[in-house]
Amino acid sequence: MARHGGARSRVRIPPRSTARVPNAARWVAKHVVASGAAERCEVQVAYAIGVARPVSVLVDTFGTERVDRTKIAKAVDALFDLRPAAIIRDLDLRRPLYHAPRPTATSAAATRASPGSRPHG
């Protein structure tokens, strides 16, 4: 198993599975921990090309579970829809991440002094 470090934790490019699947896995793991079912959690999701539902969802609690691991896995399967379109919908990945851009200078002359001019101040 190769762990994803999560450095790109809030990538907002919905068409790319490399961007949305780690977000969904972290989302599921955070809910497992928040529910009190385990102290630590890692979720591994595997897909096959052309198949919407994941072919495998592995929930690892590193021995910190307070509820039977089978029950946790069944609850994750029942409560979380990990199909690509559902991830985009549930995590609202089509919503713009940033506000409207701030106004910027439209020419280089506005950002640097011309030769021979005195600096402000």
PDB file of N, CA and C in Angstrom:
ATOM      1  N   MET A   1       0.852  -1.162   0.000  1.00  0.00           N
ATOM      2  CA  MET A   1       0.000   0.000   0.000  1.00  0.00           C
ATOM      3  C   MET A   1       0.900   1.227   0.000  1.00  0.00           C
ATOM      4  N   ALA A   2       0.556   2.203  -0.836  1.00  0.00           N
ATOM      5  CA  ALA A   2       1.277   3.466  -0.881  1.00  0.00           C
ATOM      6  C   ALA A   2       0.393   4.540  -0.280  1.00  0.00           C
ATOM      7  N   ARG A   3       0.840   5.147   0.796  1.00  0.00           N
ATOM      8  CA  ARG A   3       0.040   6.172   1.459  1.00  0.00           C
ATOM      9  C   ARG A   3       0.169   7.494   0.724  1.00  0.00           C
ATOM     10  N   HIS A   4      -0.935   8.216   0.657  1.00  0.00           N
ATOM     11  CA  HIS A   4      -0.932   9.565   0.095  1.00  0.00           C
ATOM     12  C   HIS A   4      -0.759  10.515   1.259  1.00  0.00           C
ATOM     13  N   GLY A   5       0.229  11.380   1.163  1.00  0.00           N
ATOM     14  CA  GLY A   5       0.557  12.247   2.281  1.00  0.00           C
ATOM     15  C   GLY A   5      -0.456  13.326   2.570  1.00  0.00           C
ATOM     16  N   GLY A   6      -1.292  13.669   1.611  1.00  0.00           N
ATOM     17  CA  GLY A   6      -2.309  14.667   1.853  1.00  0.00           C
ATOM     18  C   GLY A   6      -1.826  16.091   1.687  1.00  0.00           C
ATOM     19  N   ALA A   7      -0.667  16.287   1.046  1.00  0.00           N
ATOM     20  CA  ALA A   7      -0.149  17.637   0.877  1.00  0.00           C
ATOM     21  C   ALA A   7      -1.096  18.495   0.046  1.00  0.00           C
ATOM     22  N   ARG A   8      -1.797  17.889  -0.874  1.00  0.00           N
ATOM     23  CA  ARG A   8      -2.754  18.623  -1.701  1.00  0.00           C
ATOM     24  C   ARG A   8      -4.142  18.437  -1.119  1.00  0.00           C
ATOM     25  N   SER A   9      -4.303  18.839   0.115  1.00  0.00           N
ATOM     26  CA  SER A   9      -5.505  18.464   0.841  1.00  0.00           C
ATOM     27  C   SER A   9      -6.799  19.078   0.315  1.00  0.00           C
ATOM     28  N   ARG A  10      -6.748  20.251  -0.312  1.00  0.00           N
ATOM     29  CA  ARG A  10      -7.995  20.834  -0.798  1.00  0.00           C
ATOM     30  C   ARG A  10      -7.860  21.239  -2.261  1.00  0.00           C
ATOM     31  N   VAL A  11      -7.387  20.332  -3.064  1.00  0.00           N
ATOM     32  CA  VAL A  11      -7.302  20.603  -4.488  1.00  0.00           C
ATOM     33  C   VAL A  11      -8.705  20.709  -5.042  1.00  0.00           C
ATOM     34  N   ARG A  12      -8.958  21.717  -5.824  1.00  0.00           N
ATOM     35  CA  ARG A  12     -10.314  21.968  -6.303  1.00  0.00           C
ATOM     36  C   ARG A  12     -10.419  21.742  -7.804  1.00  0.00           C
ATOM     37  N   ILE A  13      -9.977  20.594  -8.278  1.00  0.00           N
ATOM     38  CA  ILE A  13     -10.079  20.266  -9.689  1.00  0.00           C
ATOM     39  C   ILE A  13     -10.966  19.030  -9.788  1.00  0.00           C
ATOM     40  N   PRO A  14     -12.286  19.194  -9.851  1.00  0.00           N
ATOM     41  CA  PRO A  14     -13.183  18.050  -9.754  1.00  0.00           C
ATOM     42  C   PRO A  14     -13.019  16.967 -10.815  1.00  0.00           C
ATOM     43  N   PRO A  15     -12.640  17.269 -12.062  1.00  0.00           N
ATOM     44  CA  PRO A  15     -12.564  16.190 -13.035  1.00  0.00           C
ATOM     45  C   PRO A  15     -11.448  15.189 -12.770  1.00  0.00           C
ATOM     46  N   ARG A  16     -10.457  15.547 -11.981  1.00  0.00           N
ATOM     47  CA  ARG A  16      -9.311  14.667 -11.782  1.00  0.00           C
ATOM     48  C   ARG A  16      -9.504  13.790 -10.562  1.00  0.00           C
ATOM     49  N   SER A  17      -9.485  12.481 -10.783  1.00  0.00           N
ATOM     50  CA  SER A  17      -9.657  11.567  -9.651  1.00  0.00           C
ATOM     51  C   SER A  17      -8.496  11.668  -8.685  1.00  0.00           C
ATOM     52  N   THR A  18      -7.304  12.040  -9.187  1.00  0.00           N
ATOM     53  CA  THR A  18      -6.161  12.187  -8.287  1.00  0.00           C
ATOM     54  C   THR A  18      -6.373  13.329  -7.315  1.00  0.00           C
ATOM     55  N   ALA A  19      -7.290  14.231  -7.628  1.00  0.00           N
ATOM     56  CA  ALA A  19      -7.581  15.346  -6.730  1.00  0.00           C
ATOM     57  C   ALA A  19      -8.746  15.033  -5.803  1.00  0.00           C
ATOM     58  N   ARG A  20      -9.777  14.369  -6.299  1.00  0.00           N
ATOM     59  CA  ARG A  20     -10.978  14.202  -5.478  1.00  0.00           C
ATOM     60  C   ARG A  20     -10.937  12.979  -4.570  1.00  0.00           C
ATOM     61  N   VAL A  21     -10.286  11.907  -4.963  1.00  0.00           N
ATOM     62  CA  VAL A  21     -10.288  10.690  -4.145  1.00  0.00           C
ATOM     63  C   VAL A  21      -9.547  10.883  -2.822  1.00  0.00           C
ATOM     64  N   PRO A  22      -8.365  11.513  -2.795  1.00  0.00           N
ATOM     65  CA  PRO A  22      -7.746  11.747  -1.476  1.00  0.00           C
ATOM     66  C   PRO A  22      -8.610  12.616  -0.565  1.00  0.00           C
ATOM     67  N   ASN A  23      -9.292  13.604  -1.137  1.00  0.00           N
ATOM     68  CA  ASN A  23     -10.202  14.427  -0.337  1.00  0.00           C
ATOM     69  C   ASN A  23     -11.304  13.568   0.269  1.00  0.00           C
ATOM     70  N   ALA A  24     -11.871  12.679  -0.525  1.00  0.00           N
ATOM     71  CA  ALA A  24     -12.952  11.816  -0.044  1.00  0.00           C
ATOM     72  C   ALA A  24     -12.443  10.852   1.028  1.00  0.00           C
ATOM     73  N   ALA A  25     -11.257  10.289   0.831  1.00  0.00           N
ATOM     74  CA  ALA A  25     -10.703   9.357   1.815  1.00  0.00           C
ATOM     75  C   ALA A  25     -10.463  10.059   3.153  1.00  0.00           C
ATOM     76  N   ARG A  26      -9.935  11.275   3.106  1.00  0.00           N
ATOM     77  CA  ARG A  26      -9.738  12.034   4.347  1.00  0.00           C
ATOM     78  C   ARG A  26     -11.073  12.378   4.993  1.00  0.00           C
ATOM     79  N   TRP A  27     -12.061  12.704   4.170  1.00  0.00           N
ATOM     80  CA  TRP A  27     -13.408  13.030   4.651  1.00  0.00           C
ATOM     81  C   TRP A  27     -13.997  11.847   5.423  1.00  0.00           C
ATOM     82  N   VAL A  28     -13.891  10.663   4.857  1.00  0.00           N
ATOM     83  CA  VAL A  28     -14.411   9.458   5.512  1.00  0.00           C
ATOM     84  C   VAL A  28     -13.645   9.199   6.808  1.00  0.00           C
ATOM     85  N   ALA A  29     -12.316   9.262   6.752  1.00  0.00           N
ATOM     86  CA  ALA A  29     -11.497   8.978   7.936  1.00  0.00           C
ATOM     87  C   ALA A  29     -11.798   9.964   9.063  1.00  0.00           C
ATOM     88  N   LYS A  30     -11.971  11.248   8.725  1.00  0.00           N
ATOM     89  CA  LYS A  30     -12.288  12.246   9.742  1.00  0.00           C
ATOM     90  C   LYS A  30     -13.620  11.936  10.419  1.00  0.00           C
ATOM     91  N   HIS A  31     -14.590  11.448   9.641  1.00  0.00           N
ATOM     92  CA  HIS A  31     -15.890  11.116  10.221  1.00  0.00           C
ATOM     93  C   HIS A  31     -15.821   9.876  11.105  1.00  0.00           C
ATOM     94  N   VAL A  32     -14.989   8.913  10.741  1.00  0.00           N
ATOM     95  CA  VAL A  32     -14.829   7.719  11.584  1.00  0.00           C
ATOM     96  C   VAL A  32     -14.269   8.137  12.939  1.00  0.00           C
ATOM     97  N   VAL A  33     -13.255   9.003  12.920  1.00  0.00           N
ATOM     98  CA  VAL A  33     -12.655   9.462  14.175  1.00  0.00           C
ATOM     99  C   VAL A  33     -13.636  10.345  14.952  1.00  0.00           C
ATOM    100  N   ALA A  34     -14.305  11.272  14.263  1.00  0.00           N
ATOM    101  CA  ALA A  34     -15.249  12.179  14.927  1.00  0.00           C
ATOM    102  C   ALA A  34     -16.424  11.426  15.553  1.00  0.00           C
ATOM    103  N   SER A  35     -16.786  10.297  14.975  1.00  0.00           N
ATOM    104  CA  SER A  35     -17.899   9.517  15.520  1.00  0.00           C
ATOM    105  C   SER A  35     -17.520   8.787  16.803  1.00  0.00           C
ATOM    106  N   GLY A  36     -16.219   8.711  17.067  1.00  0.00           N
ATOM    107  CA  GLY A  36     -15.763   8.001  18.250  1.00  0.00           C
ATOM    108  C   GLY A  36     -15.530   6.525  18.015  1.00  0.00           C
ATOM    109  N   ALA A  37     -15.642   6.085  16.772  1.00  0.00           N
ATOM    110  CA  ALA A  37     -15.454   4.667  16.467  1.00  0.00           C
ATOM    111  C   ALA A  37     -13.991   4.247  16.564  1.00  0.00           C
ATOM    112  N   ALA A  38     -13.072   5.210  16.389  1.00  0.00           N
ATOM    113  CA  ALA A  38     -11.645   4.925  16.481  1.00  0.00           C
ATOM    114  C   ALA A  38     -10.901   6.222  16.784  1.00  0.00           C
ATOM    115  N   GLU A  39      -9.690   6.078  17.315  1.00  0.00           N
ATOM    116  CA  GLU A  39      -8.863   7.255  17.590  1.00  0.00           C
ATOM    117  C   GLU A  39      -8.083   7.679  16.356  1.00  0.00           C
ATOM    118  N   ARG A  40      -7.689   6.728  15.546  1.00  0.00           N
ATOM    119  CA  ARG A  40      -6.959   6.998  14.305  1.00  0.00           C
ATOM    120  C   ARG A  40      -7.630   6.231  13.184  1.00  0.00           C
ATOM    121  N   CYS A  41      -7.545   6.773  11.976  1.00  0.00           N
ATOM    122  CA  CYS A  41      -8.176   6.090  10.848  1.00  0.00           C
ATOM    123  C   CYS A  41      -7.495   6.485   9.547  1.00  0.00           C
ATOM    124  N   GLU A  42      -7.351   5.513   8.680  1.00  0.00           N
ATOM    125  CA  GLU A  42      -6.851   5.745   7.335  1.00  0.00           C
ATOM    126  C   GLU A  42      -7.764   4.966   6.389  1.00  0.00           C
ATOM    127  N   VAL A  43      -8.147   5.605   5.300  1.00  0.00           N
ATOM    128  CA  VAL A  43      -9.043   4.969   4.340  1.00  0.00           C
ATOM    129  C   VAL A  43      -8.328   4.849   3.007  1.00  0.00           C
ATOM    130  N   GLN A  44      -8.340   3.645   2.463  1.00  0.00           N
ATOM    131  CA  GLN A  44      -7.742   3.376   1.157  1.00  0.00           C
ATOM    132  C   GLN A  44      -8.872   3.034   0.201  1.00  0.00           C
ATOM    133  N   VAL A  45      -8.899   3.718  -0.945  1.00  0.00           N
ATOM    134  CA  VAL A  45      -9.954   3.515  -1.926  1.00  0.00           C
ATOM    135  C   VAL A  45      -9.302   3.139  -3.258  1.00  0.00           C
ATOM    136  N   ALA A  46      -9.811   2.090  -3.895  1.00  0.00           N
ATOM    137  CA  ALA A  46      -9.271   1.650  -5.187  1.00  0.00           C
ATOM    138  C   ALA A  46     -10.391   1.596  -6.222  1.00  0.00           C
ATOM    139  N   TYR A  47     -10.093   2.095  -7.404  1.00  0.00           N
ATOM    140  CA  TYR A  47     -11.063   2.133  -8.497  1.00  0.00           C
ATOM    141  C   TYR A  47     -10.534   1.349  -9.685  1.00  0.00           C
ATOM    142  N   ALA A  48     -11.450   0.904 -10.526  1.00  0.00           N
ATOM    143  CA  ALA A  48     -11.103   0.283 -11.805  1.00  0.00           C
ATOM    144  C   ALA A  48     -11.590   1.220 -12.905  1.00  0.00           C
ATOM    145  N   ILE A  49     -10.865   1.253 -13.986  1.00  0.00           N
ATOM    146  CA  ILE A  49     -11.234   2.122 -15.102  1.00  0.00           C
ATOM    147  C   ILE A  49     -12.600   1.713 -15.630  1.00  0.00           C
ATOM    148  N   GLY A  50     -13.484   2.681 -15.771  1.00  0.00           N
ATOM    149  CA  GLY A  50     -14.812   2.441 -16.320  1.00  0.00           C
ATOM    150  C   GLY A  50     -15.843   1.959 -15.324  1.00  0.00           C
ATOM    151  N   VAL A  51     -15.466   1.845 -14.043  1.00  0.00           N
ATOM    152  CA  VAL A  51     -16.389   1.382 -13.010  1.00  0.00           C
ATOM    153  C   VAL A  51     -16.573   2.526 -12.013  1.00  0.00           C
ATOM    154  N   ALA A  52     -17.809   2.945 -11.808  1.00  0.00           N
ATOM    155  CA  ALA A  52     -18.065   4.111 -10.955  1.00  0.00           C
ATOM    156  C   ALA A  52     -17.816   3.826  -9.478  1.00  0.00           C
ATOM    157  N   ARG A  53     -18.258   2.687  -8.999  1.00  0.00           N
ATOM    158  CA  ARG A  53     -18.080   2.366  -7.579  1.00  0.00           C
ATOM    159  C   ARG A  53     -16.658   1.859  -7.337  1.00  0.00           C
ATOM    160  N   PRO A  54     -16.090   2.161  -6.181  1.00  0.00           N
ATOM    161  CA  PRO A  54     -14.751   1.644  -5.897  1.00  0.00           C
ATOM    162  C   PRO A  54     -14.769   0.118  -5.826  1.00  0.00           C
ATOM    163  N   VAL A  55     -13.699  -0.497  -6.288  1.00  0.00           N
ATOM    164  CA  VAL A  55     -13.602  -1.957  -6.223  1.00  0.00           C
ATOM    165  C   VAL A  55     -13.160  -2.399  -4.832  1.00  0.00           C
ATOM    166  N   SER A  56     -12.567  -1.457  -4.065  1.00  0.00           N
ATOM    167  CA  SER A  56     -12.128  -1.779  -2.719  1.00  0.00           C
ATOM    168  C   SER A  56     -12.123  -0.522  -1.863  1.00  0.00           C
ATOM    169  N   VAL A  57     -12.612  -0.659  -0.637  1.00  0.00           N
ATOM    170  CA  VAL A  57     -12.514   0.397   0.371  1.00  0.00           C
ATOM    171  C   VAL A  57     -11.992  -0.278   1.634  1.00  0.00           C
ATOM    172  N   LEU A  58     -10.780   0.096   2.025  1.00  0.00           N
ATOM    173  CA  LEU A  58     -10.145  -0.491   3.204  1.00  0.00           C
ATOM    174  C   LEU A  58     -10.080   0.571   4.292  1.00  0.00           C
ATOM    175  N   VAL A  59     -10.611   0.249   5.449  1.00  0.00           N
ATOM    176  CA  VAL A  59     -10.578   1.159   6.595  1.00  0.00           C
ATOM    177  C   VAL A  59      -9.618   0.564   7.617  1.00  0.00           C
ATOM    178  N   ASP A  60      -8.517   1.273   7.893  1.00  0.00           N
ATOM    179  CA  ASP A  60      -7.515   0.816   8.853  1.00  0.00           C
ATOM    180  C   ASP A  60      -7.543   1.755  10.056  1.00  0.00           C
ATOM    181  N   THR A  61      -7.753   1.204  11.229  1.00  0.00           N
ATOM    182  CA  THR A  61      -7.820   2.015  12.446  1.00  0.00           C
ATOM    183  C   THR A  61      -6.589   1.824  13.324  1.00  0.00           C
ATOM    184  N   PHE A  62      -5.609   1.101  12.856  1.00  0.00           N
ATOM    185  CA  PHE A  62      -4.340   0.917  13.555  1.00  0.00           C
ATOM    186  C   PHE A  62      -4.524   0.388  14.974  1.00  0.00           C
ATOM    187  N   GLY A  63      -5.565  -0.417  15.176  1.00  0.00           N
ATOM    188  CA  GLY A  63      -5.813  -1.008  16.491  1.00  0.00           C
ATOM    189  C   GLY A  63      -6.442  -0.063  17.499  1.00  0.00           C
ATOM    190  N   THR A  64      -6.876   1.115  17.064  1.00  0.00           N
ATOM    191  CA  THR A  64      -7.456   2.094  17.996  1.00  0.00           C
ATOM    192  C   THR A  64      -8.978   2.068  17.994  1.00  0.00           C
ATOM    193  N   GLU A  65      -9.576   1.087  17.324  1.00  0.00           N
ATOM    194  CA  GLU A  65     -11.037   1.063  17.212  1.00  0.00           C
ATOM    195  C   GLU A  65     -11.694   0.797  18.555  1.00  0.00           C
ATOM    196  N   ARG A  66     -12.832   1.449  18.747  1.00  0.00           N
ATOM    197  CA  ARG A  66     -13.664   1.245  19.940  1.00  0.00           C
ATOM    198  C   ARG A  66     -14.910   0.449  19.577  1.00  0.00           C
ATOM    199  N   VAL A  67     -15.097   0.266  18.275  1.00  0.00           N
ATOM    200  CA  VAL A  67     -16.221  -0.492  17.725  1.00  0.00           C
ATOM    201  C   VAL A  67     -15.603  -1.574  16.851  1.00  0.00           C
ATOM    202  N   ASP A  68     -16.297  -2.682  16.694  1.00  0.00           N
ATOM    203  CA  ASP A  68     -15.801  -3.767  15.858  1.00  0.00           C
ATOM    204  C   ASP A  68     -15.453  -3.266  14.462  1.00  0.00           C
ATOM    205  N   ARG A  69     -14.299  -3.667  13.940  1.00  0.00           N
ATOM    206  CA  ARG A  69     -13.839  -3.201  12.624  1.00  0.00           C
ATOM    207  C   ARG A  69     -14.820  -3.536  11.514  1.00  0.00           C
ATOM    208  N   THR A  70     -15.484  -4.669  11.612  1.00  0.00           N
ATOM    209  CA  THR A  70     -16.471  -5.042  10.605  1.00  0.00           C
ATOM    210  C   THR A  70     -17.635  -4.054  10.593  1.00  0.00           C
ATOM    211  N   LYS A  71     -18.068  -3.625  11.766  1.00  0.00           N
ATOM    212  CA  LYS A  71     -19.157  -2.644  11.853  1.00  0.00           C
ATOM    213  C   LYS A  71     -18.733  -1.303  11.268  1.00  0.00           C
ATOM    214  N   ILE A  72     -17.488  -0.905  11.512  1.00  0.00           N
ATOM    215  CA  ILE A  72     -16.994   0.350  10.952  1.00  0.00           C
ATOM    216  C   ILE A  72     -16.991   0.277   9.430  1.00  0.00           C
ATOM    217  N   ALA A  73     -16.489  -0.820   8.881  1.00  0.00           N
ATOM    218  CA  ALA A  73     -16.436  -0.987   7.426  1.00  0.00           C
ATOM    219  C   ALA A  73     -17.838  -0.988   6.820  1.00  0.00           C
ATOM    220  N   LYS A  74     -18.785  -1.657   7.474  1.00  0.00           N
ATOM    221  CA  LYS A  74     -20.161  -1.671   6.967  1.00  0.00           C
ATOM    222  C   LYS A  74     -20.793  -0.290   7.035  1.00  0.00           C
ATOM    223  N   ALA A  75     -20.511   0.442   8.105  1.00  0.00           N
ATOM    224  CA  ALA A  75     -21.059   1.792   8.237  1.00  0.00           C
ATOM    225  C   ALA A  75     -20.497   2.720   7.166  1.00  0.00           C
ATOM    226  N   VAL A  76     -19.196   2.627   6.895  1.00  0.00           N
ATOM    227  CA  VAL A  76     -18.579   3.444   5.841  1.00  0.00           C
ATOM    228  C   VAL A  76     -19.224   3.118   4.502  1.00  0.00           C
ATOM    229  N   ASP A  77     -19.423   1.844   4.234  1.00  0.00           N
ATOM    230  CA  ASP A  77     -20.036   1.433   2.964  1.00  0.00           C
ATOM    231  C   ASP A  77     -21.472   1.940   2.842  1.00  0.00           C
ATOM    232  N   ALA A  78     -22.195   1.932   3.953  1.00  0.00           N
ATOM    233  CA  ALA A  78     -23.599   2.352   3.923  1.00  0.00           C
ATOM    234  C   ALA A  78     -23.770   3.871   3.896  1.00  0.00           C
ATOM    235  N   LEU A  79     -22.873   4.609   4.551  1.00  0.00           N
ATOM    236  CA  LEU A  79     -23.067   6.048   4.721  1.00  0.00           C
ATOM    237  C   LEU A  79     -22.372   6.923   3.682  1.00  0.00           C
ATOM    238  N   PHE A  80     -21.321   6.427   3.067  1.00  0.00           N
ATOM    239  CA  PHE A  80     -20.535   7.257   2.151  1.00  0.00           C
ATOM    240  C   PHE A  80     -20.623   6.712   0.724  1.00  0.00           C
ATOM    241  N   ASP A  81     -21.065   7.575  -0.177  1.00  0.00           N
ATOM    242  CA  ASP A  81     -21.134   7.241  -1.598  1.00  0.00           C
ATOM    243  C   ASP A  81     -19.832   7.705  -2.233  1.00  0.00           C
ATOM    244  N   LEU A  82     -18.959   6.781  -2.575  1.00  0.00           N
ATOM    245  CA  LEU A  82     -17.633   7.127  -3.082  1.00  0.00           C
ATOM    246  C   LEU A  82     -17.528   7.041  -4.601  1.00  0.00           C
ATOM    247  N   ARG A  83     -18.666   7.146  -5.285  1.00  0.00           N
ATOM    248  CA  ARG A  83     -18.612   7.258  -6.745  1.00  0.00           C
ATOM    249  C   ARG A  83     -18.099   8.659  -7.090  1.00  0.00           C
ATOM    250  N   PRO A  84     -17.376   8.809  -8.196  1.00  0.00           N
ATOM    251  CA  PRO A  84     -16.797  10.112  -8.536  1.00  0.00           C
ATOM    252  C   PRO A  84     -17.796  11.264  -8.549  1.00  0.00           C
ATOM    253  N   ALA A  85     -18.935  11.102  -9.173  1.00  0.00           N
ATOM    254  CA  ALA A  85     -19.929  12.184  -9.228  1.00  0.00           C
ATOM    255  C   ALA A  85     -20.469  12.501  -7.841  1.00  0.00           C
ATOM    256  N   ALA A  86     -20.621  11.497  -7.001  1.00  0.00           N
ATOM    257  CA  ALA A  86     -21.124  11.713  -5.642  1.00  0.00           C
ATOM    258  C   ALA A  86     -20.096  12.449  -4.785  1.00  0.00           C
ATOM    259  N   ILE A  87     -18.820  12.160  -4.985  1.00  0.00           N
ATOM    260  CA  ILE A  87     -17.769  12.878  -4.254  1.00  0.00           C
ATOM    261  C   ILE A  87     -17.810  14.356  -4.619  1.00  0.00           C
ATOM    262  N   ILE A  88     -17.923  14.651  -5.902  1.00  0.00           N
ATOM    263  CA  ILE A  88     -17.992  16.041  -6.362  1.00  0.00           C
ATOM    264  C   ILE A  88     -19.203  16.731  -5.742  1.00  0.00           C
ATOM    265  N   ARG A  89     -20.334  16.037  -5.713  1.00  0.00           N
ATOM    266  CA  ARG A  89     -21.557  16.609  -5.149  1.00  0.00           C
ATOM    267  C   ARG A  89     -21.446  16.783  -3.636  1.00  0.00           C
ATOM    268  N   ASP A  90     -21.046  15.745  -2.925  1.00  0.00           N
ATOM    269  CA  ASP A  90     -21.044  15.770  -1.462  1.00  0.00           C
ATOM    270  C   ASP A  90     -19.986  16.708  -0.883  1.00  0.00           C
ATOM    271  N   LEU A  91     -18.849  16.824  -1.544  1.00  0.00           N
ATOM    272  CA  LEU A  91     -17.789  17.717  -1.057  1.00  0.00           C
ATOM    273  C   LEU A  91     -17.862  19.093  -1.712  1.00  0.00           C
ATOM    274  N   ASP A  92     -18.867  19.292  -2.557  1.00  0.00           N
ATOM    275  CA  ASP A  92     -19.096  20.585  -3.210  1.00  0.00           C
ATOM    276  C   ASP A  92     -17.845  21.068  -3.935  1.00  0.00           C
ATOM    277  N   LEU A  93     -17.251  20.184  -4.734  1.00  0.00           N
ATOM    278  CA  LEU A  93     -15.994  20.499  -5.400  1.00  0.00           C
ATOM    279  C   LEU A  93     -16.148  21.401  -6.621  1.00  0.00           C
ATOM    280  N   ARG A  94     -17.354  21.685  -7.032  1.00  0.00           N
ATOM    281  CA  ARG A  94     -17.541  22.621  -8.149  1.00  0.00           C
ATOM    282  C   ARG A  94     -17.649  24.068  -7.663  1.00  0.00           C
ATOM    283  N   ARG A  95     -17.771  24.260  -6.346  1.00  0.00           N
ATOM    284  CA  ARG A  95     -17.850  25.603  -5.774  1.00  0.00           C
ATOM    285  C   ARG A  95     -16.484  26.265  -5.883  1.00  0.00           C
ATOM    286  N   PRO A  96     -16.449  27.519  -6.324  1.00  0.00           N
ATOM    287  CA  PRO A  96     -15.158  28.211  -6.413  1.00  0.00           C
ATOM    288  C   PRO A  96     -14.508  28.311  -5.031  1.00  0.00           C
ATOM    289  N   LEU A  97     -13.222  28.098  -4.981  1.00  0.00           N
ATOM    290  CA  LEU A  97     -12.500  28.105  -3.715  1.00  0.00           C
ATOM    291  C   LEU A  97     -12.176  29.519  -3.259  1.00  0.00           C
ATOM    292  N   TYR A  98     -11.900  30.380  -4.196  1.00  0.00           N
ATOM    293  CA  TYR A  98     -11.467  31.724  -3.841  1.00  0.00           C
ATOM    294  C   TYR A  98     -12.519  32.742  -4.254  1.00  0.00           C
ATOM    295  N   HIS A  99     -12.494  33.907  -3.616  1.00  0.00           N
ATOM    296  CA  HIS A  99     -13.377  35.002  -3.993  1.00  0.00           C
ATOM    297  C   HIS A  99     -12.901  35.597  -5.314  1.00  0.00           C
ATOM    298  N   ALA A 100     -13.617  36.588  -5.797  1.00  0.00           N
ATOM    299  CA  ALA A 100     -13.228  37.254  -7.038  1.00  0.00           C
ATOM    300  C   ALA A 100     -11.812  37.810  -6.888  1.00  0.00           C
ATOM    301  N   PRO A 101     -11.036  37.776  -7.967  1.00  0.00           N
ATOM    302  CA  PRO A 101      -9.664  38.265  -7.875  1.00  0.00           C
ATOM    303  C   PRO A 101      -9.610  39.753  -7.545  1.00  0.00           C
ATOM    304  N   ARG A 102      -8.590  40.126  -6.819  1.00  0.00           N
ATOM    305  CA  ARG A 102      -8.389  41.526  -6.476  1.00  0.00           C
ATOM    306  C   ARG A 102      -7.921  42.294  -7.711  1.00  0.00           C
ATOM    307  N   PRO A 103      -8.258  43.564  -7.792  1.00  0.00           N
ATOM    308  CA  PRO A 103      -7.774  44.343  -8.929  1.00  0.00           C
ATOM    309  C   PRO A 103      -6.253  44.448  -8.877  1.00  0.00           C
ATOM    310  N   THR A 104      -5.630  44.312 -10.029  1.00  0.00           N
ATOM    311  CA  THR A 104      -4.174  44.395 -10.109  1.00  0.00           C
ATOM    312  C   THR A 104      -3.798  45.421 -11.158  1.00  0.00           C
ATOM    313  N   ALA A 105      -2.559  45.800 -11.140  1.00  0.00           N
ATOM    314  CA  ALA A 105      -2.075  46.743 -12.141  1.00  0.00           C
ATOM    315  C   ALA A 105      -2.124  46.086 -13.507  1.00  0.00           C
ATOM    316  N   THR A 106      -2.491  46.862 -14.509  1.00  0.00           N
ATOM    317  CA  THR A 106      -2.617  46.292 -15.848  1.00  0.00           C
ATOM    318  C   THR A 106      -1.393  46.556 -16.710  1.00  0.00           C
ATOM    319  N   SER A 107      -0.473  47.353 -16.210  1.00  0.00           N
ATOM    320  CA  SER A 107       0.739  47.591 -16.999  1.00  0.00           C
ATOM    321  C   SER A 107       1.944  47.591 -16.089  1.00  0.00           C
ATOM    322  N   ALA A 108       3.094  47.333 -16.670  1.00  0.00           N
ATOM    323  CA  ALA A 108       4.320  47.291 -15.892  1.00  0.00           C
ATOM    324  C   ALA A 108       4.661  48.669 -15.351  1.00  0.00           C
ATOM    325  N   ALA A 109       4.237  49.729 -16.052  1.00  0.00           N
ATOM    326  CA  ALA A 109       4.547  51.086 -15.604  1.00  0.00           C
ATOM    327  C   ALA A 109       3.940  51.389 -14.240  1.00  0.00           C
ATOM    328  N   ALA A 110       2.863  50.756 -13.917  1.00  0.00           N
ATOM    329  CA  ALA A 110       2.217  51.014 -12.639  1.00  0.00           C
ATOM    330  C   ALA A 110       2.926  50.314 -11.487  1.00  0.00           C
ATOM    331  N   THR A 111       3.775  49.350 -11.802  1.00  0.00           N
ATOM    332  CA  THR A 111       4.413  48.573 -10.743  1.00  0.00           C
ATOM    333  C   THR A 111       5.875  48.908 -10.541  1.00  0.00           C
ATOM    334  N   ARG A 112       6.506  49.602 -11.477  1.00  0.00           N
ATOM    335  CA  ARG A 112       7.910  49.960 -11.282  1.00  0.00           C
ATOM    336  C   ARG A 112       8.145  51.393 -11.757  1.00  0.00           C
ATOM    337  N   ALA A 113       9.101  52.022 -11.155  1.00  0.00           N
ATOM    338  CA  ALA A 113       9.401  53.411 -11.498  1.00  0.00           C
ATOM    339  C   ALA A 113      10.114  53.474 -12.843  1.00  0.00           C
ATOM    340  N   SER A 114       9.856  54.519 -13.572  1.00  0.00           N
ATOM    341  CA  SER A 114      10.543  54.705 -14.853  1.00  0.00           C
ATOM    342  C   SER A 114      11.956  55.219 -14.589  1.00  0.00           C
ATOM    343  N   PRO A 115      12.880  54.998 -15.547  1.00  0.00           N
ATOM    344  CA  PRO A 115      14.268  55.442 -15.350  1.00  0.00           C
ATOM    345  C   PRO A 115      14.316  56.946 -15.104  1.00  0.00           C
ATOM    346  N   GLY A 116      15.098  57.348 -14.138  1.00  0.00           N
ATOM    347  CA  GLY A 116      15.285  58.757 -13.833  1.00  0.00           C
ATOM    348  C   GLY A 116      14.245  59.328 -12.895  1.00  0.00           C
ATOM    349  N   SER A 117      13.215  58.606 -12.567  1.00  0.00           N
ATOM    350  CA  SER A 117      12.201  59.128 -11.654  1.00  0.00           C
ATOM    351  C   SER A 117      12.626  58.880 -10.225  1.00  0.00           C
ATOM    352  N   ARG A 118      12.096  59.648  -9.338  1.00  0.00           N
ATOM    353  CA  ARG A 118      12.430  59.520  -7.932  1.00  0.00           C
ATOM    354  C   ARG A 118      11.460  58.561  -7.258  1.00  0.00           C
ATOM    355  N   PRO A 119      11.928  57.772  -6.322  1.00  0.00           N
ATOM    356  CA  PRO A 119      11.012  56.867  -5.601  1.00  0.00           C
ATOM    357  C   PRO A 119      10.066  57.674  -4.732  1.00  0.00           C
ATOM    358  N   HIS A 120       8.915  57.092  -4.463  1.00  0.00           N
ATOM    359  CA  HIS A 120       7.921  57.750  -3.609  1.00  0.00           C
ATOM    360  C   HIS A 120       8.432  57.815  -2.184  1.00  0.00           C
ATOM    361  N   GLY A 121       8.000  58.846  -1.459  1.00  0.00           N
ATOM    362  CA  GLY A 121       8.306  58.871  -0.060  1.00  0.00           C
ATOM    363  C   GLY A 121       9.161  59.964   0.287  1.00  0.00           C
TER     364      GLY A 121
END
